[in-house]
Protein backbone atom coordinates (compact mmCIF):
# COMPACT_ATOMS: atom_id res chain seq x y z
CA ALA A 1 16.07 -1.77 -8.45
CA ASN A 2 14.93 0.67 -10.81
CA SER A 3 17.15 3.41 -9.32
CA TRP A 4 17.88 3.66 -13.56
CA ALA A 5 14.28 4.53 -13.84
CA TRP A 6 14.30 6.95 -11.24
CA ALA A 7 17.30 8.45 -12.48
CA ALA A 8 16.56 8.27 -16.64
CA GLY A 9 15.87 12.52 -17.60
CA LYS A 10 17.13 13.73 -14.16
CA GLN A 11 20.06 16.39 -14.21
CA PHE A 12 23.38 15.15 -12.41
CA THR A 13 26.10 17.77 -11.45
CA LEU A 14 29.85 16.70 -11.03
CA VAL A 15 32.54 18.93 -9.16
CA ILE A 16 36.17 17.95 -9.15
CA ARG A 17 38.12 20.22 -7.02
CA ASP A 18 42.02 20.63 -7.70
CA LEU A 19 42.34 21.11 -2.98
CA GLY A 20 46.07 21.42 -3.23
CA GLN A 21 45.42 24.23 -6.05
CA VAL A 22 49.03 23.77 -7.76
CA THR A 23 46.50 23.44 -11.29
CA ASN A 24 44.24 25.14 -12.99
CA LEU A 25 41.24 22.23 -12.23
CA THR A 26 40.45 24.58 -9.49
CA ASN A 27 36.79 23.70 -9.59
CA VAL A 28 35.52 22.18 -12.04
CA VAL A 29 31.90 22.08 -12.27
CA VAL A 30 29.63 20.00 -15.06
CA SER A 31 26.12 19.06 -15.82
CA ALA A 32 24.24 16.42 -17.93
CA THR A 33 21.13 15.00 -18.39
CA ALA A 34 20.76 11.17 -18.06
CA ASP A 35 19.06 9.43 -21.29
CA SER A 36 16.36 7.00 -20.85
CA LYS A 37 18.58 4.33 -19.52
CA GLY A 38 19.62 6.18 -16.50
CA ARG A 39 22.74 6.98 -18.32
CA VAL A 40 24.71 10.53 -18.10
CA THR A 41 27.85 11.44 -19.68
CA PHE A 42 30.03 14.15 -18.78
CA HIS A 43 32.61 16.13 -20.77
CA ILE A 44 35.86 17.68 -19.24
CA GLU A 45 38.51 19.44 -21.62
CA ALA A 46 42.12 19.73 -19.89
CA SER A 47 45.77 20.47 -20.64
CA PRO A 48 48.37 17.79 -20.61
CA THR A 49 49.90 20.53 -18.10
CA ASP A 50 47.44 20.05 -15.45
CA VAL A 51 46.14 15.68 -16.09
CA ASN A 52 49.82 15.12 -14.96
CA ASN A 53 50.31 17.30 -11.81
CA TYR A 54 50.21 14.87 -8.52
CA THR A 55 47.73 16.54 -5.33
CA ASN A 56 45.16 16.18 -3.76
CA TRP A 57 41.44 16.00 -5.45
CA THR A 58 37.91 15.67 -4.09
CA VAL A 59 35.14 14.33 -6.90
CA ALA A 60 31.69 14.96 -5.41
CA LEU A 61 28.70 14.04 -7.65
CA LEU A 62 24.77 15.55 -7.60
CA VAL A 63 21.42 15.03 -8.44
CA ASN A 64 19.15 18.23 -8.89
CA TRP A 65 16.09 17.00 -7.77
CA HIS A 66 13.16 19.38 -7.50
CA GLY A 67 15.34 22.31 -8.78
CA TYR A 68 17.93 21.27 -5.67
CA TYR A 69 20.87 19.56 -5.69
CA PHE A 70 21.57 16.41 -3.19
CA LEU A 71 24.30 14.68 -2.94
CA LEU A 72 25.25 11.47 -4.08
CA PHE A 73 28.82 10.58 -3.85
CA GLU A 74 31.91 12.09 -3.11
CA ASN A 75 35.45 11.17 -2.21
CA TRP A 76 38.70 12.39 -2.09
CA TYR A 77 41.97 11.16 -3.76
CA ARG A 78 45.10 12.14 -2.54
CA GLY A 79 48.97 12.52 -3.92
CA ALA A 80 46.84 11.70 -7.40
CA THR A 81 47.25 13.00 -11.40
CA PHE A 82 44.10 14.29 -12.88
CA ALA A 83 44.10 11.04 -15.33
CA GLN A 84 44.60 8.92 -12.07
CA VAL A 85 40.98 10.35 -10.87
CA VAL A 86 39.69 9.61 -14.13
CA ALA A 87 40.98 6.56 -14.51
CA ASN A 88 39.67 5.85 -10.63
CA LEU A 89 36.24 7.06 -12.16
CA THR A 90 35.91 5.10 -15.37
CA GLY A 91 38.24 2.36 -16.06
CA TYR A 92 39.59 4.44 -18.87
CA TYR A 93 43.37 6.13 -18.49
CA TYR A 94 44.59 9.06 -20.59
CA THR A 95 46.57 10.72 -20.58
CA GLU A 96 48.80 13.11 -22.68
CA PHE A 97 52.35 14.81 -21.50
CA PRO A 98 53.76 17.74 -22.61
CA ASN A 99 55.87 16.02 -24.96
CA GLY A 100 53.37 14.47 -27.05
CA THR A 101 53.64 11.19 -25.98
CA VAL A 102 49.61 9.51 -25.30
CA VAL A 103 49.09 6.84 -22.22
CA ALA A 104 45.10 5.04 -23.23
CA LYS A 105 44.59 2.28 -20.84
CA TYR A 106 42.45 0.57 -19.26
CA LEU A 107 40.19 -1.91 -16.95
CA THR A 108 37.28 -3.79 -16.97
CA LYS A 109 36.06 -5.04 -13.74
CA GLU A 110 32.56 -5.79 -12.47
CA LYS A 111 31.15 -7.06 -8.70
CA PRO A 112 32.29 -9.43 -7.50
CA TYR A 113 35.56 -8.65 -8.04
CA ASN A 114 37.44 -10.63 -10.69
CA PRO A 115 38.61 -7.81 -12.94
CA THR A 116 39.72 -9.26 -16.31
CA LEU A 117 42.89 -7.43 -17.71
CA ALA A 118 43.81 -6.72 -21.54
CA PRO A 119 46.05 -4.96 -22.70
CA PRO A 120 47.41 -1.87 -22.13
CA ALA A 121 46.04 -3.12 -18.58
CA TYR A 122 46.95 -0.45 -15.83
CA THR A 123 50.05 -0.83 -13.62
CA GLY A 124 50.02 0.48 -10.55
CA THR A 125 51.30 3.88 -11.21
CA ASP A 126 47.89 4.38 -13.91
CA ALA A 127 45.47 4.65 -10.32
CA LEU A 128 44.93 4.91 -7.10
CA ASN A 129 42.65 1.84 -7.18
CA TYR A 130 39.74 0.68 -9.32
CA GLY A 131 36.32 1.86 -8.59
CA TYR A 132 34.89 2.54 -5.04
CA ASN A 133 33.71 1.02 -2.45
CA GLY A 134 32.76 2.90 0.75
CA THR A 135 30.25 4.63 2.75
CA TRP A 136 28.60 6.90 -0.01
CA GLY A 137 27.77 3.84 -2.49
CA VAL A 138 30.12 0.99 -4.65
CA PHE A 139 30.98 0.84 -8.01
CA THR A 140 28.66 -1.94 -9.85
CA GLN A 141 31.10 -2.01 -12.60
CA VAL A 142 33.58 -0.44 -14.61
CA ASN A 143 34.28 -0.64 -17.45
CA GLY A 144 37.56 0.72 -19.70
CA THR A 145 36.93 -0.21 -22.51
CA MET A 146 33.57 1.74 -22.96
CA GLN A 147 34.31 4.25 -20.61
CA PHE A 148 31.69 3.99 -18.07
CA ALA A 149 31.48 2.92 -14.60
CA ASN A 150 28.20 2.25 -12.75
CA PHE A 151 27.84 3.13 -9.21
CA THR A 152 25.16 2.36 -6.77
CA SER A 153 24.61 5.47 -4.38
CA ALA A 154 24.69 4.88 -0.63
CA ALA A 155 22.11 7.96 0.15
CA LEU A 156 19.27 7.10 -2.41
CA HIS A 157 16.87 4.99 -0.87
CA GLN A 158 14.15 3.80 -2.14
CA PHE A 159 11.20 1.58 -0.17
CA TYR A 160 7.84 -0.26 -0.96
CA LEU A 161 5.14 0.80 1.73
CA ALA A 162 2.00 -1.55 1.97
CA VAL A 163 -0.98 -0.74 4.16
CA ALA A 164 -3.09 -3.25 5.81
CA THR A 165 -6.34 -2.84 5.29
CA ALA A 166 -7.97 -6.33 7.69
CA ASN A 167 -8.54 -7.86 3.55
CA GLN A 168 -11.04 -5.08 2.96
CA PRO A 169 -10.84 -3.97 -0.48
CA TYR A 170 -10.23 -0.50 0.07
CA ASN A 171 -9.13 1.73 -2.48
CA LEU A 172 -6.56 3.85 -1.59
CA THR A 173 -3.93 7.20 -2.54
CA LEU A 174 -0.64 7.25 -1.37
CA SER A 175 0.50 11.01 -1.76
CA GLU A 176 4.01 12.32 -0.79
CA THR A 177 5.36 16.19 -0.01
CA LEU A 178 9.23 17.30 0.22
CA SER A 179 9.68 19.95 1.71
CA ILE A 180 12.97 22.47 2.57
CA ALA A 181 13.11 23.96 5.48
CA GLY A 182 9.87 24.22 5.87
CA ALA A 183 8.99 24.95 2.76
CA PRO A 184 7.22 22.22 0.57
CA VAL A 185 8.71 22.11 -2.81
CA TYR A 186 7.03 19.09 -4.34
CA THR A 187 4.29 16.89 -3.76
CA TRP A 188 3.35 13.70 -6.16
CA THR A 189 0.35 10.33 -6.25
CA TYR A 190 1.36 7.18 -5.58
CA LYS A 191 -1.37 4.44 -7.46
CA PRO A 192 -1.48 0.80 -5.62
CA LEU A 193 1.09 -1.62 -7.29
CA LYS A 194 -1.35 -4.20 -9.23
CA ARG A 195 0.47 -6.65 -7.82
CA GLY A 196 -1.29 -8.10 -5.08
CA TRP A 197 -1.15 -8.00 -1.49
CA ALA A 198 -2.98 -11.00 0.73
CA ASN A 199 -3.58 -8.24 3.41
CA GLY A 200 -4.00 -4.80 1.75
CA THR A 201 -2.07 -2.67 -0.85
CA VAL A 202 1.26 -1.77 -1.70
CA PHE A 203 2.99 1.07 -3.02
CA GLY A 204 6.20 1.96 -4.77
CA PRO A 205 8.92 2.26 -5.01
CA ILE A 206 9.24 5.34 -3.28
CA THR A 207 12.39 6.87 -3.70
CA TYR A 208 13.72 9.68 -2.07
CA LEU A 209 17.01 11.84 -0.37
CA GLY A 210 18.42 13.13 2.20
CA THR A 211 20.99 14.76 1.44
CA TYR A 212 20.62 18.26 0.62
CA VAL A 213 23.52 20.42 0.55
CA LYS A 214 22.78 24.33 0.71
CA SER A 215 25.42 25.21 -1.96
CA LEU A 216 28.38 24.03 -4.40
CA GLY A 217 30.93 26.00 -2.46
CA GLY A 218 33.79 27.01 -4.20
CA ALA A 219 37.51 26.81 -5.13
CA GLY A 220 39.65 24.37 -1.59
CA GLN A 221 36.35 23.14 -0.52
CA ASN A 222 34.03 20.28 0.05
CA VAL A 223 30.98 20.06 -1.52
CA SER A 224 29.95 17.85 1.68
CA SER A 225 30.38 20.55 4.13
CA PHE A 226 27.34 22.49 2.57
CA LEU A 227 25.25 18.79 3.56
CA SER A 228 22.27 20.31 5.35
CA PRO A 229 19.95 17.48 6.02
CA SER A 230 17.83 18.66 8.96
CA SER A 231 16.81 21.03 6.42
CA VAL A 232 14.93 18.20 5.06
CA SER A 233 11.81 16.49 5.61
CA TYR A 234 8.48 14.49 4.10
CA SER A 235 5.05 14.11 4.60
CA PHE A 236 3.08 11.17 3.17
CA ALA A 237 -1.02 11.07 3.98
CA VAL A 238 -2.50 7.61 3.16
CA LYS A 239 -6.41 8.43 1.77
CA LEU A 240 -9.36 6.06 1.12
CA TRP A 241 -11.61 6.86 -2.07
CA PHE A 242 -15.74 6.32 -2.31
CA PRO A 243 -17.72 6.78 -5.56
CA TYR A 244 -20.30 9.01 -4.85
CA GLU A 245 -22.55 10.79 -7.72
CA GLY A 246 -20.27 10.07 -10.14
CA SER A 247 -17.93 11.83 -8.45
CA TYR A 248 -15.51 10.25 -5.55
CA VAL A 249 -14.74 11.62 -1.73
CA SER A 250 -11.89 10.76 0.26
CA GLN A 251 -11.16 10.48 3.86
CA THR A 252 -7.48 10.97 4.86
CA VAL A 253 -6.92 7.80 7.30
CA ILE A 254 -2.57 8.01 7.89
CA THR A 255 -0.18 10.93 7.96
CA SER A 256 3.83 10.56 8.50
CA THR A 257 5.90 13.13 9.03
CA ASN A 258 9.99 12.59 8.52
CA GLY A 259 13.11 14.01 8.83
CA ILE A 260 16.06 12.70 8.39
CA PHE A 261 18.28 10.90 10.01
CA THR A 262 21.92 11.06 9.63
CA THR A 263 23.42 6.87 11.22
CA THR A 264 27.60 6.30 11.87
CA LEU A 265 28.42 3.86 9.85
CA PRO A 266 31.44 2.40 10.87
CA TYR A 267 34.46 3.47 8.33
CA ASN A 268 35.57 7.27 7.08
CA ALA A 269 36.02 6.84 3.63
CA ALA A 270 35.76 10.15 1.96
CA PRO A 271 34.45 13.16 4.24
CA ASN A 272 31.80 13.90 5.64
CA SER A 273 31.05 10.28 4.75
CA THR A 274 30.90 8.23 7.89
CA LYS A 275 26.72 9.38 7.57
CA PHE A 276 23.04 6.98 6.59
CA TYR A 277 20.41 10.03 6.11
CA VAL A 278 17.05 7.60 6.12
CA ILE A 279 13.86 8.59 7.03
CA LYS A 280 12.96 6.49 9.93
CA THR A 281 9.30 4.85 10.38
CA LEU A 282 7.58 2.33 11.82
CA ASN A 283 6.88 -1.62 10.71
CA TYR A 284 3.64 -3.09 11.62
CA THR A 285 4.72 -6.65 10.01
CA ARG A 286 1.95 -8.14 11.71
CA GLY A 287 -0.63 -6.23 9.53
CA TYR A 288 -2.59 -4.11 12.31
CA TYR A 289 -1.87 -0.88 14.49
CA TYR A 290 -2.95 -1.80 17.90
CA THR A 291 0.54 -4.18 17.82
CA PRO A 292 3.36 -3.33 18.76
CA ALA A 293 5.46 -1.93 15.69
CA ASP A 294 9.52 -1.72 14.88
CA SER A 295 11.60 1.42 14.25
CA VAL A 296 12.95 1.03 11.06
CA ASN A 297 15.31 2.45 8.50
CA ALA A 298 12.80 3.30 5.18
CA THR A 299 15.83 1.52 2.53
CA CYS A 300 16.99 -1.07 0.73
CA GLN A 301 13.87 -1.65 -1.32
CA GLN A 302 12.49 -3.45 2.10
CA LEU A 303 8.62 -3.40 2.52
CA VAL A 304 7.19 -1.81 5.39
CA ILE A 305 3.64 -2.13 6.31
CA TRP A 306 1.15 0.92 7.60
CA ALA A 307 -2.01 -0.47 9.56
CA LEU A 308 -5.15 1.25 9.08
CA PRO A 309 -7.01 1.92 12.14
CA LEU A 310 -9.19 -0.27 12.11
CA SER A 311 -11.92 -1.95 14.12
CA THR A 312 -13.75 -5.44 12.97
CA LEU A 313 -16.66 -7.46 13.41
CA ASN A 314 -16.55 -11.02 13.11
CA VAL A 315 -20.18 -12.25 12.31
CA THR A 316 -20.34 -15.50 13.33
CA GLY A 317 -23.58 -17.04 13.92
CA LEU A 318 -27.67 -14.95 12.43
CA PHE A 319 -30.68 -15.76 14.25
CA ASP A 320 -34.15 -15.13 13.52
CA ILE A 321 -37.12 -13.31 15.87
CA LYS A 322 -37.87 -16.20 17.77
CA GLY A 323 -34.06 -17.13 18.49
CA ASN A 324 -33.81 -19.66 15.96
CA PRO A 325 -30.11 -20.39 13.62
CA VAL A 326 -31.39 -18.50 10.04
CA ASN A 327 -30.27 -21.18 7.68
CA GLY A 328 -29.36 -19.75 4.06
CA SER A 329 -27.80 -16.89 5.21
CA GLN A 330 -26.12 -16.76 1.44
CA TYR A 331 -29.54 -14.29 1.26
CA PHE A 332 -28.51 -11.62 3.82
CA VAL A 333 -26.03 -9.03 2.94
CA PHE A 334 -23.81 -7.57 6.04
CA LYS A 335 -22.60 -3.24 5.69
CA VAL A 336 -20.95 -0.80 7.48
CA GLN A 337 -22.08 2.64 7.02
CA GLU A 338 -19.59 5.52 7.98
CA ASN A 339 -20.19 9.35 7.04
CA ILE A 340 -17.11 10.25 4.43
CA GLY A 341 -17.39 13.62 2.90
CA GLY A 342 -20.71 14.17 5.01
CA TYR A 343 -22.35 11.39 3.29
CA PRO A 344 -23.38 8.43 4.33
CA LEU A 345 -21.29 5.78 2.08
CA THR A 346 -21.05 2.21 3.10
CA ILE A 347 -17.68 0.97 3.33
CA SER A 348 -17.51 -2.69 4.11
CA GLN A 349 -19.88 -5.12 2.67
CA GLN A 350 -20.45 -8.87 2.91
CA ARG A 351 -22.30 -11.24 2.73
CA GLY A 352 -23.47 -14.64 4.35
CA VAL A 353 -22.16 -15.84 7.23
CA PRO A 354 -19.55 -15.71 8.75
CA VAL A 355 -18.30 -12.43 7.65
CA THR A 356 -14.92 -9.54 8.70
CA LEU A 357 -16.41 -6.34 8.54
CA ALA A 358 -15.01 -3.30 9.33
CA TRP A 359 -14.73 0.50 9.96
CA ILE A 360 -12.59 3.46 10.49
CA SER A 361 -12.11 4.65 14.62
CA GLY A 362 -9.68 6.78 14.20
CA MET A 363 -6.95 8.91 12.13
CA LEU A 364 -3.14 7.51 12.41
CA SER A 365 -0.34 10.23 12.89
CA LEU A 366 2.95 8.62 12.52
CA LYS A 367 6.31 11.15 13.54
CA ASP A 368 9.16 9.85 12.40
CA ASN A 369 9.20 6.35 14.41
CA THR A 370 6.32 7.41 17.21
CA ALA A 371 2.30 6.92 16.35
CA THR A 372 -0.71 8.55 17.88
CA LEU A 373 -4.32 7.94 17.30
CA SER A 374 -6.28 10.89 16.85
CA SER A 375 -10.27 10.61 18.07
CA LEU A 376 -12.26 9.96 13.66
CA ASN A 377 -15.78 10.19 14.93
CA LEU A 378 -17.04 8.93 11.82
CA SER A 379 -21.00 7.50 12.55
CA PRO A 380 -20.41 3.82 11.91
CA ARG A 381 -22.99 2.34 11.84
CA LEU A 382 -24.17 -2.08 11.08
CA VAL A 383 -26.52 -2.56 8.68
CA VAL A 384 -28.10 -6.03 7.73
CA GLU A 385 -30.80 -6.75 4.52
CA TYR A 386 -32.53 -9.94 3.19
CA MET A 387 -32.72 -9.56 -0.45
CA TYR A 388 -32.98 -12.03 -3.03
CA GLU A 389 -34.26 -11.88 -6.58
CA SER A 390 -36.84 -14.15 -8.08
CA ALA A 391 -39.44 -14.28 -11.49
CA GLU A 392 -41.72 -12.96 -9.29
CA GLY A 393 -39.74 -9.94 -8.06
CA TYR A 394 -36.63 -8.23 -5.97
CA ILE A 395 -36.82 -8.40 -1.96
CA GLU A 396 -35.27 -6.10 0.29
CA ALA A 397 -35.74 -5.38 3.51
CA THR A 398 -33.39 -3.73 6.65
CA VAL A 399 -34.23 -5.77 9.31
CA LEU A 400 -31.29 -4.81 11.52
CA GLN A 401 -29.62 -1.09 12.20
CA ALA A 402 -27.52 -0.60 15.19
CA PRO A 403 -24.19 2.28 15.51
CA LEU A 404 -20.86 0.13 16.30
CA ASN A 405 -18.04 1.33 18.97
CA ALA A 406 -16.22 5.02 17.20
CA THR A 407 -14.60 5.81 20.52
CA ALA A 408 -11.87 3.42 20.31
CA PRO A 409 -10.31 0.67 17.91
CA VAL A 410 -11.69 -2.68 18.85
CA ASN A 411 -12.10 -6.05 17.10
CA PHE A 412 -14.05 -8.53 18.22
CA ALA A 413 -16.95 -11.05 17.20
CA ALA A 414 -20.38 -11.55 17.95
CA ASN A 415 -24.16 -13.79 16.91
CA LEU A 416 -26.82 -11.19 15.22
CA THR A 417 -29.90 -10.97 15.74
CA VAL A 418 -32.41 -10.18 12.93
CA SER A 419 -36.14 -9.16 12.22
CA MET A 420 -37.28 -12.35 10.84
CA LEU A 421 -39.97 -14.07 11.16
CA PRO A 422 -40.03 -17.85 9.85
CA VAL A 423 -42.80 -18.09 7.49
CA GLN A 424 -45.02 -21.65 7.27
CA ILE A 425 -48.44 -22.45 6.53
CA LEU A 426 -50.12 -26.04 6.36
CA LEU A 427 -52.44 -25.96 3.18
CA TRP A 428 -55.80 -27.37 3.67
CA TRP A 429 -58.84 -27.67 1.81
CA ARG A 430 -63.09 -28.05 2.71
CA ASN A 431 -64.14 -31.59 2.21
CA GLY A 432 -68.08 -30.79 2.43
CA GLN A 433 -68.65 -32.46 5.42
CA PRO A 434 -69.70 -30.90 8.80
CA LEU A 435 -66.95 -32.57 10.97
CA PRO A 436 -64.62 -32.41 9.63
CA ASN A 437 -64.82 -29.61 7.46
CA GLY A 438 -61.38 -29.51 6.47
CA GLN A 439 -58.80 -32.33 5.60
CA PRO A 440 -55.28 -31.51 4.98
CA PHE A 441 -54.47 -30.49 1.29
CA ASN A 442 -52.13 -33.51 0.43
CA LYS A 443 -52.08 -33.28 -3.41
CA PRO A 444 -48.92 -31.12 -4.99
CA ASP A 445 -49.84 -30.92 -8.43
CA LEU A 446 -53.09 -28.95 -7.61
CA ALA A 447 -50.93 -26.31 -6.28
CA SER A 448 -50.38 -24.94 -10.08
CA ALA A 449 -54.16 -23.64 -9.86
CA LEU A 450 -53.24 -22.13 -6.38
CA THR A 451 -51.83 -18.10 -6.24
CA PHE A 452 -50.09 -16.90 -2.57
CA ILE A 453 -50.41 -13.10 -2.53
CA PHE A 454 -48.35 -11.46 0.46
CA SER A 455 -48.54 -7.81 0.63
CA GLY A 456 -46.49 -5.64 3.47
CA PRO A 457 -44.78 -2.62 4.70
CA THR A 458 -41.63 -4.55 3.80
CA ALA A 459 -42.51 -6.67 1.63
CA TYR A 460 -44.47 -7.70 -1.88
CA LEU A 461 -44.87 -11.75 -2.90
CA VAL A 462 -46.41 -13.18 -5.61
CA GLN A 463 -45.87 -17.28 -6.04
CA LYS A 464 -47.39 -19.65 -7.78
CA GLY A 465 -47.38 -22.97 -8.64
CA ARG A 466 -45.41 -25.77 -7.76
CA ASP A 467 -43.05 -22.68 -6.34
CA ALA A 468 -44.92 -21.67 -3.47
CA VAL A 469 -45.52 -24.75 -1.85
CA VAL A 470 -43.38 -27.69 -0.21
CA GLU A 471 -44.10 -30.54 0.88
CA MET A 472 -43.42 -33.14 4.20
CA PHE A 473 -44.80 -35.78 5.90
CA GLY A 474 -47.68 -35.98 3.49
CA MET A 475 -48.76 -32.54 3.37
CA VAL A 476 -48.04 -29.55 1.47
CA SER A 477 -47.66 -26.09 2.91
CA TRP A 478 -47.04 -22.64 1.74
CA VAL A 479 -43.54 -20.65 2.47
CA LEU A 480 -41.92 -17.67 2.42
CA PRO A 481 -39.07 -18.26 -0.83
CA PRO A 482 -36.23 -18.09 -1.32
CA TYR A 483 -35.57 -22.23 -0.25
CA GLY A 484 -32.19 -21.47 0.86
CA TYR A 485 -32.55 -25.52 1.61
CA PRO A 486 -34.35 -28.36 0.33
CA LEU A 487 -36.79 -30.18 2.68
CA PRO A 488 -36.86 -33.68 3.02
CA GLN A 489 -39.44 -35.87 1.11
CA SER A 490 -38.94 -39.24 3.53
CA LEU A 491 -40.86 -39.63 6.94
CA GLY A 492 -38.35 -38.98 10.00
CA ALA A 493 -38.45 -37.27 13.70
CA PRO A 494 -40.32 -34.18 12.46
CA LEU A 495 -38.30 -32.25 15.49
CA ALA A 496 -35.68 -32.95 13.55
CA TYR A 497 -36.52 -31.06 10.83
CA LEU A 498 -38.30 -28.70 12.52
CA PRO A 499 -35.05 -25.78 12.35
CA LYS A 500 -34.82 -26.05 8.51
CA TYR A 501 -38.19 -26.20 8.14
CA ASN A 502 -38.87 -23.23 9.69
CA ALA A 503 -35.79 -21.73 8.18
CA SER A 504 -37.45 -22.46 4.57
CA GLY A 505 -38.41 -18.76 4.08
CA TYR A 506 -39.35 -15.32 6.76
CA LEU A 507 -40.81 -12.80 6.61
CA PRO A 508 -38.85 -9.74 7.22
CA LEU A 509 -40.35 -7.85 10.12
CA PRO A 510 -39.70 -3.60 10.57
CA THR A 511 -36.03 -3.07 11.30
CA LEU A 512 -34.93 -3.55 14.49
CA ASN A 513 -33.26 -0.73 15.78
CA ALA A 514 -30.65 -1.75 18.58
CA PHE A 515 -30.53 2.57 19.73
CA GLY A 516 -28.45 2.90 22.85
CA VAL A 517 -26.28 -0.74 22.28
CA TYR A 518 -23.30 -0.54 20.92
CA LEU A 519 -21.52 -3.59 18.84
């Protein structure tokens, strides 16, 4: 898939050589540029004498990629004429004999092999075989009537790269650099695919070649004798990007350096073509870098998974300063901040409980199919904020700050205590009597005439009317908003409702700083 799109607009070179040197076709080299559909047309002229002489031939197809030749196909044709070689490659047999006789025959054939012959058709002497099926690839279609063949090269590799992000919505990019003999020759950047992946981000297709040739050679030589896959290397870098003051800052979190591995295949269809030139890397199929990863060949359009070196914290519970469970956790925002590009940026943020937060705990360095994790201390810290918006204003208070483990990746769960004090004040009014000189306020309708004001270093509240009071057990109390849970209006055991009653509103206290305690 997408191979034709990759081929579109690229320059291809066809090399045909009479190895026996009995014709004048000892070194035919022609180049052409593929059209928008990846189709390439080569024009070759030959005399009738050269076309019909039997000899040994070598045919090679190369692509000029970023100024360098890479071999896509090579095959030998022994005891054949030039006309037979072309017929094998295109399905169209055409020749003109010295006496002026012209012979034109063709074959139409597709995989699975079910040839359809239409007169005039091939005979056993017209071509050695039809198409090619060997270690350099396969002719998926041979169409003699249109004089073309579709070829899929085994030297051209594609794969998709997924980056596991622990379900965090990170903005990632992938860059790839091709180097020849240690010198970078081209760098390009991939953006994530639009189609989603539940566990992270996907890039691709990533197309690469390892069959670099130092020279095309000359008459009597095979192009593959100049193969130098050891001169080829690819380097990859995964970066996280974060907006900051109208621009973006980035942090590299995964790097990979890949040479070309030569894998021997169990047959020999052409000279030096028993080799499969691939990149080897690690595949973190479980989505976490600290789990075992298998070595894989990055080819055949498979999905290869790399995992960000992340630590994760699962917040399972939230408690106020008195040790009571906090109800209405949707008003709490959990953040992880790290120093990215020298700036304290929020890299993970969620609201409510339970939540899973993540932070960068190192840089994953891959070299082929081995991995190391280098230290990358970005001073991660947990910040919990209490915030909500009401008709009277916007409340925001930091109620917990704590440093996070930055020395090694971790994955754990925890309950958190925040600097919040549950508030409920029972209202009384004076009754004009000496004893008792007050009685419980039990007329909620009169609350519309009351204004409650609270001011302090972390909040400023002005509450009016019925929105500021709740009624329970025939009594009226003022509580701090927001009201995460409605209070029961019927009588019952007071202790059964006390946690919810206390949790009707919270007073943010000065920030709880967990210095010296690493989560």
